[in-house]
Amino acid sequence: MSRVGLREWLAIAPVIASGRLSRYGNGDGGPLTRFETAFSESFDVKHVLTTSSGTGALIAALVAAGIGPGDEVLVPAYTWIATAAAPLAVGAVPVLVEIDQTLTIDPADILRKITPNTRAIIPVHMANMVCDMDSIMRIAREHGLLVIEDACQAVGLSYKGRRAGTIGDIGAFSFNQFKNISIGEGGAIVTNDDHFFARARMYHDIGSVFRGHLDNANEPLLPGINMKASQIQGAMLNVQLKKLDPMVRRMRRRYDALSRILEDGGELHVGPHNDRANAAGLHVIFDSEEEAKSFAARNSRGVYRLHDSSRHVYTFWQPILEQRAIHPKMNPFAWAERKIDYSPNACPRSLDILKRTCRIGLGENYPLPLMQYFARKMARQNAAPERNLVPTPGIS
């Protein structure tokens, strides 16, 4: 993740001094508009809308796309719970899809899960692992489905020359504390479609109905809620955006160096990528759950078994599994055309992969030689675990 420091503090100071902290009423649009312009140019996408969070971006994207009651949205079984909760917020229901060994949604299972009620796919570029967007876009076009990319966990990453989040119909990003762009909380929606952008902008700002200066692309006015970002967030985002590409390059160098060390040891199976040339997320896959647990225990910092990060695994999404809603009369599952399966065995292959897989931090804010040292240590330990009875700490 990106660090926050003196440059962000200096960028915030003049905004606070100006007293103009809100989204609108800043003449030239203030830091938020400057960020959206720079992000648009850097990511080669027509429209960018900053939001208060990545979850808000996902919900506004679904609203923009016209997803609603009775619709089914395909989501991966391994992601932050917000990906599955966002369809519920607009009256649709999430349908769980298996992941493959790239830790991203499995195109083969997408095909198995499509029904006459399916309206959209939300592929998640999880933990800086990009999805197989060629296959996903082909399936979507063949079946008349919308693609809403969740790039919250892969801000700045690329897939075959295009930025993750800009390939589908709409993309959503997160800028919270643990992301590649980090301002505490924040998000963004991107799209090349004028009407989707207009609808998202109206929905994210309940006051948009009174802002005659906004171009609504001939879309009728709709009531929204408040997901607007502040100019303080905009000031921080401008600083963080300048840090993004250098940080991704550091991640790429570390991925290449660390994966080579782990693979050369001959004992570790480095997980596959959908675009190895741009890889910036490192994971290793074991033959058994016990081997993965042992590896994580020996390298207690910077390494964790994916299934142990329970909040990202569908079997721990209790309110969704129990099909609860904020009010019985507003329960999207009551509007669904069929019963949706959320049993613990809904995605058994995903659970098997997550139990046998460990993610390894790249330590992008640490010197490369230090990370190479720890990678060699991991490889040696795994080659002869019986000689390492005491867990050895790594680097996060």
Protein backbone atom coordinates (compact mmCIF):
# COMPACT_ATOMS: atom_id res chain seq x y z
CA MET A 1 0.00 0.00 0.00
CA SER A 2 1.04 3.61 -0.45
CA ARG A 3 2.33 5.58 2.50
CA VAL A 4 0.78 8.87 3.62
CA GLY A 5 3.19 11.55 4.80
CA LEU A 6 4.41 15.13 4.64
CA ARG A 7 3.37 15.78 1.03
CA GLU A 8 -0.25 14.91 1.78
CA TRP A 9 -0.18 17.12 4.85
CA LEU A 10 1.17 20.05 2.83
CA ALA A 11 -1.48 19.50 0.13
CA ILE A 12 -4.31 19.60 2.67
CA ALA A 13 -3.18 22.81 4.39
CA PRO A 14 -4.21 25.30 1.65
CA VAL A 15 -7.56 23.57 1.22
CA ILE A 16 -8.32 23.95 4.91
CA ALA A 17 -7.11 27.56 4.82
CA SER A 18 -9.46 28.32 1.93
CA GLY A 19 -12.50 27.11 3.86
CA ARG A 20 -13.85 25.51 0.66
CA LEU A 21 -13.99 21.88 1.64
CA SER A 22 -17.09 20.63 -0.19
CA ARG A 23 -17.36 19.10 -3.65
CA TYR A 24 -19.08 22.08 -5.29
CA GLY A 25 -18.73 25.85 -5.06
CA ASN A 26 -15.00 25.97 -5.79
CA GLY A 27 -14.89 27.90 -9.04
CA ASP A 28 -12.48 25.71 -11.03
CA GLY A 29 -13.67 22.59 -9.20
CA GLY A 30 -10.78 22.50 -6.78
CA PRO A 31 -8.48 19.56 -6.06
CA LEU A 32 -11.20 16.97 -6.79
CA THR A 33 -11.64 18.12 -10.36
CA ARG A 34 -7.88 18.26 -10.85
CA PHE A 35 -7.59 14.70 -9.58
CA GLU A 36 -10.37 13.42 -11.83
CA THR A 37 -8.76 15.07 -14.85
CA ALA A 38 -5.34 13.60 -14.04
CA PHE A 39 -6.81 10.15 -13.29
CA SER A 40 -8.73 10.24 -16.58
CA GLU A 41 -5.55 11.01 -18.51
CA SER A 42 -3.42 8.47 -16.66
CA PHE A 43 -5.98 5.66 -17.00
CA ASP A 44 -7.14 6.62 -20.52
CA VAL A 45 -10.83 6.71 -19.61
CA LYS A 46 -13.38 9.40 -20.48
CA HIS A 47 -15.21 9.92 -17.18
CA VAL A 48 -14.01 9.77 -13.57
CA LEU A 49 -16.19 10.43 -10.54
CA THR A 50 -14.67 10.50 -7.06
CA THR A 51 -16.82 9.01 -4.30
CA SER A 52 -16.64 8.71 -0.54
CA SER A 53 -15.69 5.01 -0.65
CA GLY A 54 -15.07 2.02 -2.90
CA THR A 55 -18.31 0.42 -1.69
CA GLY A 56 -20.18 3.57 -2.68
CA ALA A 57 -18.51 3.43 -6.09
CA LEU A 58 -19.75 -0.14 -6.61
CA ILE A 59 -23.30 0.72 -5.60
CA ALA A 60 -23.41 3.85 -7.76
CA ALA A 61 -22.00 1.86 -10.69
CA LEU A 62 -24.83 -0.68 -10.40
CA VAL A 63 -27.38 2.13 -10.23
CA ALA A 64 -25.78 3.75 -13.26
CA ALA A 65 -26.07 0.48 -15.19
CA GLY A 66 -29.75 0.10 -14.33
CA ILE A 67 -29.33 -3.05 -12.24
CA GLY A 68 -32.28 -3.65 -9.90
CA PRO A 69 -34.92 -5.98 -8.43
CA GLY A 70 -35.09 -9.41 -10.02
CA ASP A 71 -31.61 -9.14 -11.51
CA GLU A 72 -28.79 -11.53 -10.73
CA VAL A 73 -25.18 -10.32 -10.52
CA LEU A 74 -22.28 -12.77 -10.71
CA VAL A 75 -19.61 -12.19 -8.05
CA PRO A 76 -16.54 -14.24 -7.05
CA ALA A 77 -16.52 -16.35 -3.90
CA TYR A 78 -13.27 -14.68 -2.80
CA THR A 79 -13.52 -10.90 -2.38
CA TRP A 80 -14.35 -8.26 0.22
CA ILE A 81 -17.99 -8.64 1.27
CA ALA A 82 -18.88 -5.26 -0.29
CA THR A 83 -18.73 -6.82 -3.77
CA ALA A 84 -21.61 -9.14 -2.84
CA ALA A 85 -23.46 -6.58 -0.73
CA ALA A 86 -23.51 -3.89 -3.43
CA PRO A 87 -26.08 -5.72 -5.63
CA LEU A 88 -28.34 -6.09 -2.58
CA ALA A 89 -28.21 -2.32 -2.08
CA VAL A 90 -29.92 -1.82 -5.46
CA GLY A 91 -32.42 -4.68 -5.06
CA ALA A 92 -30.52 -7.30 -7.07
CA VAL A 93 -29.03 -10.54 -5.73
CA PRO A 94 -25.42 -11.77 -5.90
CA VAL A 95 -24.71 -15.21 -7.35
CA LEU A 96 -21.48 -16.83 -6.17
CA VAL A 97 -18.94 -17.94 -8.79
CA GLU A 98 -15.84 -20.08 -8.23
CA ILE A 99 -12.33 -18.65 -8.43
CA ASP A 100 -9.42 -20.43 -10.11
CA GLN A 101 -5.77 -20.60 -9.11
CA THR A 102 -5.21 -16.98 -10.19
CA LEU A 103 -7.46 -16.09 -7.19
CA THR A 104 -9.89 -14.36 -9.55
CA ILE A 105 -13.30 -15.28 -10.93
CA ASP A 106 -13.29 -18.43 -13.07
CA PRO A 107 -14.67 -17.77 -16.59
CA ALA A 108 -15.69 -21.43 -16.92
CA ASP A 109 -17.88 -21.16 -13.82
CA ILE A 110 -19.31 -17.85 -15.04
CA LEU A 111 -20.75 -19.78 -17.97
CA ARG A 112 -22.23 -22.38 -15.61
CA LYS A 113 -23.85 -19.72 -13.40
CA ILE A 114 -25.54 -17.62 -16.10
CA THR A 115 -29.36 -17.78 -16.05
CA PRO A 116 -32.08 -15.83 -17.88
CA ASN A 117 -32.04 -13.44 -14.88
CA THR A 118 -28.32 -12.64 -15.03
CA ARG A 119 -27.69 -8.99 -15.89
CA ALA A 120 -24.10 -8.28 -14.89
CA ILE A 121 -20.72 -9.70 -13.90
CA ILE A 122 -18.51 -8.12 -11.26
CA PRO A 123 -14.99 -9.47 -11.83
CA VAL A 124 -12.70 -8.57 -8.93
CA HIS A 125 -9.00 -7.89 -9.50
CA MET A 126 -8.19 -9.38 -6.13
CA ALA A 127 -5.03 -8.59 -4.15
CA ASN A 128 -3.33 -7.11 -7.23
CA MET A 129 -4.19 -10.23 -9.25
CA VAL A 130 -5.92 -9.23 -12.49
CA CYS A 131 -8.84 -11.19 -13.95
CA ASP A 132 -8.96 -12.95 -17.32
CA MET A 133 -10.69 -9.96 -18.88
CA ASP A 134 -10.47 -11.30 -22.46
CA SER A 135 -12.61 -14.31 -21.55
CA ILE A 136 -14.93 -12.31 -19.30
CA MET A 137 -15.63 -9.64 -21.92
CA ARG A 138 -16.21 -12.28 -24.58
CA ILE A 139 -18.72 -14.11 -22.38
CA ALA A 140 -20.45 -10.86 -21.46
CA ARG A 141 -20.87 -9.77 -25.07
CA GLU A 142 -22.09 -13.19 -26.16
CA HIS A 143 -24.76 -13.21 -23.42
CA GLY A 144 -25.68 -9.53 -23.38
CA LEU A 145 -24.30 -8.89 -19.90
CA LEU A 146 -22.79 -5.78 -18.37
CA VAL A 147 -19.31 -5.89 -16.81
CA ILE A 148 -18.68 -3.80 -13.71
CA GLU A 149 -15.02 -4.19 -12.77
CA ASP A 150 -14.13 -4.14 -9.09
CA ALA A 151 -10.57 -2.83 -9.21
CA CYS A 152 -10.59 -1.71 -5.58
CA GLN A 153 -7.72 -4.04 -4.70
CA ALA A 154 -5.67 -3.44 -7.84
CA VAL A 155 -5.53 0.32 -8.38
CA GLY A 156 -2.94 1.10 -11.04
CA LEU A 157 -2.42 -2.48 -12.24
CA SER A 158 -2.66 -3.34 -15.94
CA TYR A 159 -4.04 -6.20 -17.99
CA LYS A 160 -2.44 -6.57 -21.42
CA GLY A 161 -1.75 -2.88 -21.77
CA ARG A 162 -4.98 -1.53 -20.28
CA ARG A 163 -5.57 -0.40 -16.73
CA ALA A 164 -7.62 -2.73 -14.57
CA GLY A 165 -11.03 -1.14 -14.04
CA THR A 166 -11.20 0.51 -17.48
CA ILE A 167 -11.92 -2.57 -19.60
CA GLY A 168 -15.53 -3.30 -18.65
CA ASP A 169 -18.58 -1.04 -18.98
CA ILE A 170 -17.91 0.62 -15.62
CA GLY A 171 -15.06 0.34 -13.12
CA ALA A 172 -14.94 0.91 -9.37
CA PHE A 173 -11.88 1.80 -7.28
CA SER A 174 -11.14 2.12 -3.58
CA PHE A 175 -8.70 4.51 -1.94
CA ASN A 176 -9.00 3.33 1.65
CA GLN A 177 -6.11 2.81 4.02
CA PHE A 178 -5.08 -0.58 2.63
CA LYS A 179 -5.15 0.17 -1.09
CA ASN A 180 -2.53 1.19 -3.67
CA ILE A 181 -3.85 4.74 -3.43
CA SER A 182 -4.50 5.43 0.24
CA ILE A 183 -6.33 8.40 1.77
CA GLY A 184 -8.11 6.62 4.63
CA GLU A 185 -11.44 6.31 2.78
CA GLY A 186 -12.44 7.17 -0.76
CA GLY A 187 -13.28 5.69 -4.13
CA ALA A 188 -13.98 6.40 -7.78
CA ILE A 189 -16.15 5.31 -10.68
CA VAL A 190 -14.82 5.30 -14.25
CA THR A 191 -16.61 4.78 -17.55
CA ASN A 192 -16.54 5.79 -21.19
CA ASP A 193 -20.35 5.88 -21.35
CA ASP A 194 -21.94 9.34 -21.02
CA HIS A 195 -25.26 8.04 -19.72
CA PHE A 196 -23.74 5.74 -17.11
CA PHE A 197 -21.62 8.66 -15.90
CA ALA A 198 -24.61 11.00 -15.69
CA ARG A 199 -26.66 8.48 -13.71
CA ALA A 200 -23.77 7.74 -11.34
CA ARG A 201 -23.16 11.44 -10.74
CA MET A 202 -26.84 12.07 -9.99
CA TYR A 203 -27.06 9.10 -7.64
CA HIS A 204 -23.92 9.94 -5.69
CA ASP A 205 -25.23 13.47 -4.91
CA ILE A 206 -28.76 13.98 -3.60
CA GLY A 207 -28.34 17.67 -4.43
CA SER A 208 -27.59 17.08 -8.11
CA VAL A 209 -31.21 17.87 -8.99
CA PHE A 210 -30.49 21.49 -8.09
CA ARG A 211 -27.14 21.79 -9.88
CA GLY A 212 -28.10 23.20 -13.27
CA HIS A 213 -24.45 23.37 -14.34
CA LEU A 214 -24.20 19.58 -14.63
CA ASP A 215 -24.70 17.87 -18.00
CA ASN A 216 -27.07 14.95 -17.43
CA ALA A 217 -26.71 13.52 -20.97
CA ASN A 218 -30.50 13.78 -21.41
CA GLU A 219 -31.02 11.36 -18.54
CA PRO A 220 -34.11 12.12 -16.44
CA LEU A 221 -33.36 13.34 -12.94
CA LEU A 222 -33.29 10.64 -10.29
CA PRO A 223 -33.14 10.89 -6.49
CA GLY A 224 -29.83 9.84 -5.07
CA ILE A 225 -27.98 9.72 -1.78
CA ASN A 226 -24.80 11.42 -0.58
CA MET A 227 -21.57 9.69 -1.60
CA LYS A 228 -19.64 12.84 -2.45
CA ALA A 229 -15.95 13.16 -1.68
CA SER A 230 -14.48 16.29 -0.08
CA GLN A 231 -11.79 18.61 -1.35
CA ILE A 232 -9.54 17.38 1.46
CA GLN A 233 -9.75 13.92 -0.09
CA GLY A 234 -9.06 15.47 -3.50
CA ALA A 235 -5.92 17.18 -2.24
CA MET A 236 -4.55 13.91 -0.86
CA LEU A 237 -5.52 12.02 -4.02
CA ASN A 238 -3.49 14.35 -6.21
CA VAL A 239 -0.38 13.55 -4.17
CA GLN A 240 -1.10 9.84 -4.05
CA LEU A 241 -1.73 9.58 -7.79
CA LYS A 242 1.81 10.82 -8.44
CA LYS A 243 3.13 8.03 -6.22
CA LEU A 244 1.06 5.28 -7.85
CA ASP A 245 3.04 4.30 -10.95
CA PRO A 246 6.45 4.38 -9.21
CA MET A 247 4.99 2.15 -6.49
CA VAL A 248 3.53 -0.29 -9.04
CA ARG A 249 6.95 -0.46 -10.72
CA ARG A 250 8.51 -1.32 -7.35
CA MET A 251 5.91 -4.03 -6.85
CA ARG A 252 6.62 -5.41 -10.31
CA ARG A 253 10.39 -5.57 -9.67
CA ARG A 254 9.84 -7.30 -6.36
CA TYR A 255 7.40 -9.77 -7.85
CA ASP A 256 9.89 -10.76 -10.56
CA ALA A 257 12.77 -11.07 -8.11
CA LEU A 258 10.92 -12.90 -5.33
CA SER A 259 8.99 -15.28 -7.59
CA ARG A 260 12.24 -16.27 -9.34
CA ILE A 261 13.89 -17.08 -6.01
CA LEU A 262 10.92 -19.11 -4.79
CA GLU A 263 10.57 -20.99 -8.08
CA ASP A 264 14.30 -21.71 -8.38
CA GLY A 265 14.18 -23.44 -5.01
CA GLY A 266 12.13 -26.15 -6.70
CA GLU A 267 9.86 -26.77 -3.71
CA LEU A 268 7.33 -23.93 -4.01
CA HIS A 269 4.61 -23.58 -6.63
CA VAL A 270 4.13 -19.87 -7.42
CA GLY A 271 0.52 -19.26 -8.37
CA PRO A 272 -0.40 -18.34 -11.96
CA HIS A 273 -1.38 -14.91 -13.30
CA ASN A 274 -3.71 -13.90 -16.09
CA ASP A 275 -1.03 -11.43 -17.25
CA ARG A 276 2.34 -12.54 -15.92
CA ALA A 277 4.16 -9.68 -17.65
CA ASN A 278 2.34 -7.18 -15.42
CA ALA A 279 2.12 -9.31 -12.27
CA ALA A 280 2.31 -7.50 -8.93
CA GLY A 281 0.72 -9.95 -6.51
CA LEU A 282 2.53 -13.04 -5.21
CA HIS A 283 1.00 -16.25 -3.91
CA VAL A 284 2.14 -19.84 -3.52
CA ILE A 285 -0.06 -22.93 -3.77
CA PHE A 286 0.53 -26.13 -1.81
CA ASP A 287 -0.69 -29.69 -2.26
CA SER A 288 -2.43 -29.75 1.10
CA GLU A 289 -4.04 -27.47 3.63
CA GLU A 290 -1.55 -28.61 6.28
CA GLU A 291 1.43 -27.54 4.15
CA ALA A 292 -0.08 -24.08 3.68
CA LYS A 293 -0.71 -23.71 7.42
CA SER A 294 2.85 -24.76 8.20
CA PHE A 295 4.35 -22.33 5.67
CA ALA A 296 2.30 -19.44 7.08
CA ALA A 297 3.29 -20.34 10.64
CA ARG A 298 7.01 -20.36 9.78
CA ASN A 299 6.73 -16.95 8.12
CA SER A 300 4.36 -15.20 10.51
CA ARG A 301 4.71 -11.66 9.12
CA GLY A 302 4.14 -10.80 5.48
CA VAL A 303 2.71 -14.26 4.76
CA TYR A 304 -0.79 -15.53 5.46
CA ARG A 305 -3.00 -18.37 4.34
CA LEU A 306 -5.87 -16.94 2.31
CA HIS A 307 -8.60 -18.90 4.03
CA ASP A 308 -7.50 -17.37 7.35
CA SER A 309 -8.51 -13.93 6.06
CA SER A 310 -12.10 -14.94 6.74
CA ARG A 311 -13.73 -11.61 5.86
CA HIS A 312 -12.80 -12.20 2.21
CA VAL A 313 -14.25 -15.74 2.04
CA TYR A 314 -17.93 -16.20 1.16
CA THR A 315 -18.61 -18.73 3.94
CA PHE A 316 -18.12 -15.94 6.50
CA TRP A 317 -20.57 -13.46 4.93
CA GLN A 318 -23.27 -14.17 7.49
CA PRO A 319 -25.91 -11.54 6.56
CA ILE A 320 -25.72 -12.58 2.91
CA LEU A 321 -25.74 -16.31 3.61
CA GLU A 322 -28.80 -15.80 5.82
CA GLN A 323 -30.40 -13.59 3.13
CA ARG A 324 -31.15 -10.79 5.56
CA ALA A 325 -32.12 -7.22 4.65
CA ILE A 326 -32.60 -3.91 6.44
CA HIS A 327 -36.37 -4.54 6.40
CA PRO A 328 -38.42 -7.63 5.44
CA LYS A 329 -40.37 -5.68 2.81
CA MET A 330 -37.13 -4.48 1.23
CA ASN A 331 -35.47 -7.89 0.94
CA PRO A 332 -34.07 -8.39 -2.57
CA PHE A 333 -34.26 -12.16 -2.15
CA ALA A 334 -38.06 -11.86 -2.05
CA TRP A 335 -37.92 -10.25 -5.50
CA ALA A 336 -35.60 -12.85 -7.02
CA GLU A 337 -37.02 -15.17 -9.67
CA ARG A 338 -35.53 -18.26 -8.01
CA LYS A 339 -33.94 -19.49 -4.81
CA ILE A 340 -30.25 -18.60 -4.62
CA ASP A 341 -27.83 -21.18 -3.19
CA TYR A 342 -25.56 -19.87 -0.45
CA SER A 343 -24.78 -23.18 1.19
CA PRO A 344 -21.25 -23.73 2.56
CA ASN A 345 -20.62 -26.01 -0.44
CA ALA A 346 -21.76 -23.50 -3.05
CA CYS A 347 -18.16 -23.00 -4.25
CA PRO A 348 -16.11 -25.97 -3.02
CA ARG A 349 -13.22 -25.45 -5.45
CA SER A 350 -12.71 -21.91 -4.17
CA LEU A 351 -12.53 -23.13 -0.58
CA ASP A 352 -10.01 -25.80 -1.54
CA ILE A 353 -7.78 -23.26 -3.31
CA LEU A 354 -7.97 -20.74 -0.45
CA LYS A 355 -7.10 -23.36 2.15
CA ARG A 356 -4.00 -24.45 0.20
CA THR A 357 -2.74 -20.99 -0.80
CA CYS A 358 -0.57 -18.40 0.96
CA ARG A 359 -0.11 -14.81 -0.10
CA ILE A 360 3.35 -13.28 0.25
CA GLY A 361 3.75 -9.53 0.74
CA LEU A 362 6.11 -7.86 -1.70
CA GLY A 363 7.39 -5.29 0.79
CA GLU A 364 7.30 -2.52 -1.77
CA ASN A 365 8.32 0.03 0.87
CA TYR A 366 11.41 -2.00 1.87
CA PRO A 367 14.75 -2.33 0.03
CA LEU A 368 14.72 -5.00 -2.66
CA PRO A 369 17.85 -6.80 -1.33
CA LEU A 370 16.13 -7.20 2.03
CA MET A 371 13.07 -8.78 0.40
CA GLN A 372 15.29 -11.08 -1.66
CA TYR A 373 16.99 -12.19 1.55
CA PHE A 374 13.66 -13.13 3.13
CA ALA A 375 12.54 -14.89 -0.06
CA ARG A 376 15.68 -17.06 0.00
CA LYS A 377 15.03 -17.78 3.67
CA MET A 378 11.46 -18.88 2.88
CA ALA A 379 12.69 -21.15 0.11
CA ARG A 380 15.30 -22.78 2.39
CA GLN A 381 12.81 -23.27 5.19
CA ASN A 382 10.28 -24.86 2.91
CA ALA A 383 12.91 -27.20 1.47
CA ALA A 384 13.77 -28.48 4.95
CA PRO A 385 10.93 -27.58 7.37
CA GLU A 386 11.99 -30.19 9.92
CA ARG A 387 15.09 -28.10 10.62
CA ASN A 388 13.07 -25.00 11.47
CA LEU A 389 11.04 -25.79 14.56
CA VAL A 390 10.87 -22.17 15.69
CA PRO A 391 8.79 -19.81 13.49
CA THR A 392 10.94 -17.17 11.88
CA PRO A 393 9.40 -13.70 11.36
CA GLY A 394 9.37 -12.20 7.89
CA ILE A 395 8.65 -8.72 6.62
CA SER A 396 5.22 -7.22 5.86
